[in-house]
Amino acid sequence: MTDLIHRHCVPCEGGVPAVHRTEAEAYLESLPGWELDGESKMIAKKVNGRTFMGVIESINRIAELAESEQHHPDLHLTGYRHLTIQLTTHAIGGLSENDFILAAKIDEIFK
């Protein structure tokens, strides 16, 4: 699963099955800090920045990445420096490989 960083998201219009929990857990072994929700429909990661502007810069980098991959996370900024990143594939109502690819690429932003 370590090759996720080198892969690209593919458009998903629906009609494909969502990733099952066991497969999601296998992907998450190579994505520290990402957590699977109870229904296996979303993964999320919480990141604490040092400053408000630092977190905003990270959000902008995530936005650029999401646009280039055509797969978009939900981003929630609270307490001026606490960011929660959520990934799901809305077209299938659950997780696809795209979510794990984007998670790996987002992790690179915070290295």
Protein backbone atom coordinates (compact mmCIF):
# COMPACT_ATOMS: atom_id res chain seq x y z
CA MET A 1 0.00 0.00 0.00
CA THR A 2 3.02 2.29 0.20
CA ASP A 3 2.69 3.09 -3.49
CA LEU A 4 -0.38 5.26 -2.84
CA ILE A 5 1.69 8.44 -3.00
CA HIS A 6 2.68 7.63 -6.60
CA ARG A 7 -0.84 6.93 -7.82
CA HIS A 8 -3.53 9.32 -9.01
CA CYS A 9 -7.22 9.52 -8.28
CA VAL A 10 -9.56 8.37 -11.03
CA PRO A 11 -12.98 9.92 -11.61
CA CYS A 12 -15.77 8.08 -9.82
CA GLU A 13 -19.31 8.55 -11.08
CA GLY A 14 -20.75 5.79 -8.94
CA GLY A 15 -21.64 2.26 -9.89
CA VAL A 16 -18.62 0.75 -8.14
CA PRO A 17 -18.69 -0.87 -4.71
CA ALA A 18 -17.24 0.96 -1.74
CA VAL A 19 -14.07 -0.36 -0.10
CA HIS A 20 -14.91 -2.89 2.63
CA ARG A 21 -13.77 -2.32 6.22
CA THR A 22 -10.97 -4.93 6.09
CA GLU A 23 -9.53 -3.37 2.94
CA ALA A 24 -9.83 0.12 4.47
CA GLU A 25 -7.99 -1.05 7.58
CA ALA A 26 -5.21 -2.47 5.38
CA TYR A 27 -4.84 0.87 3.60
CA LEU A 28 -4.76 2.70 6.94
CA GLU A 29 -1.75 0.68 8.10
CA SER A 30 0.37 2.89 5.83
CA LEU A 31 -1.46 6.12 6.78
CA PRO A 32 -0.63 6.99 10.40
CA GLY A 33 -3.11 9.25 12.15
CA TRP A 34 -6.00 8.58 9.78
CA GLU A 35 -9.04 7.00 11.43
CA LEU A 36 -11.93 5.05 9.99
CA ASP A 37 -15.42 6.05 11.10
CA GLY A 38 -17.74 3.47 12.66
CA GLU A 39 -19.67 2.88 9.44
CA SER A 40 -16.53 2.56 7.28
CA LYS A 41 -17.76 5.40 5.06
CA MET A 42 -15.14 8.02 5.83
CA ILE A 43 -11.57 8.46 7.01
CA ALA A 44 -10.45 11.48 8.99
CA LYS A 45 -7.30 13.00 10.39
CA LYS A 46 -6.85 15.80 12.92
CA VAL A 47 -3.90 18.13 12.54
CA ASN A 48 -2.90 20.89 14.95
CA GLY A 49 -0.99 23.75 13.41
CA ARG A 50 1.28 26.19 15.18
CA THR A 51 -0.44 29.30 13.87
CA PHE A 52 -3.66 30.28 12.14
CA MET A 53 -1.83 31.37 9.00
CA GLY A 54 0.19 28.16 8.94
CA VAL A 55 -3.01 26.12 8.94
CA ILE A 56 -4.52 28.35 6.24
CA GLU A 57 -1.42 27.78 4.09
CA SER A 58 -1.85 24.02 4.58
CA ILE A 59 -5.53 24.28 3.62
CA ASN A 60 -4.56 26.11 0.44
CA ARG A 61 -2.01 23.43 -0.43
CA ILE A 62 -4.61 20.72 0.20
CA ALA A 63 -7.05 22.62 -2.04
CA GLU A 64 -4.50 22.78 -4.87
CA LEU A 65 -3.77 19.07 -4.49
CA ALA A 66 -7.48 18.21 -4.42
CA GLU A 67 -8.08 20.19 -7.60
CA SER A 68 -5.19 18.49 -9.39
CA GLU A 69 -6.49 15.05 -8.31
CA GLN A 70 -10.17 15.97 -8.84
CA HIS A 71 -11.04 14.47 -5.46
CA HIS A 72 -12.02 16.86 -2.69
CA PRO A 73 -11.90 16.49 1.10
CA ASP A 74 -14.09 18.15 3.68
CA LEU A 75 -11.94 20.54 5.71
CA HIS A 76 -12.97 21.85 9.14
CA LEU A 77 -10.93 24.56 10.89
CA THR A 78 -11.72 25.15 14.56
CA GLY A 79 -10.03 26.97 17.40
CA TYR A 80 -8.00 28.95 14.82
CA ARG A 81 -5.38 26.20 14.38
CA HIS A 82 -7.09 22.80 14.62
CA LEU A 83 -7.83 21.20 11.24
CA THR A 84 -9.91 18.08 10.66
CA ILE A 85 -9.61 16.52 7.20
CA GLN A 86 -12.36 14.11 6.12
CA LEU A 87 -12.31 11.95 3.02
CA THR A 88 -15.14 9.98 1.44
CA THR A 89 -16.34 9.31 -2.09
CA HIS A 90 -19.76 10.93 -2.23
CA ALA A 91 -20.71 9.28 -5.54
CA ILE A 92 -20.71 5.83 -3.91
CA GLY A 93 -21.64 6.81 -0.37
CA GLY A 94 -18.48 5.33 1.08
CA LEU A 95 -14.75 4.93 0.63
CA SER A 96 -12.90 4.35 -2.62
CA GLU A 97 -9.22 3.92 -3.31
CA ASN A 98 -9.18 7.64 -4.21
CA ASP A 99 -9.66 8.52 -0.54
CA PHE A 100 -6.53 6.64 0.48
CA ILE A 101 -4.50 8.02 -2.43
CA LEU A 102 -5.45 11.57 -1.47
CA ALA A 103 -4.77 10.86 2.22
CA ALA A 104 -1.22 9.75 1.37
CA LYS A 105 -0.65 12.87 -0.71
CA ILE A 106 -2.09 15.12 2.02
CA ASP A 107 0.31 13.55 4.52
CA GLU A 108 3.20 14.74 2.35
CA ILE A 109 2.05 18.34 2.89
CA PHE A 110 2.56 17.99 6.64
CA LYS A 111 6.04 16.42 6.48
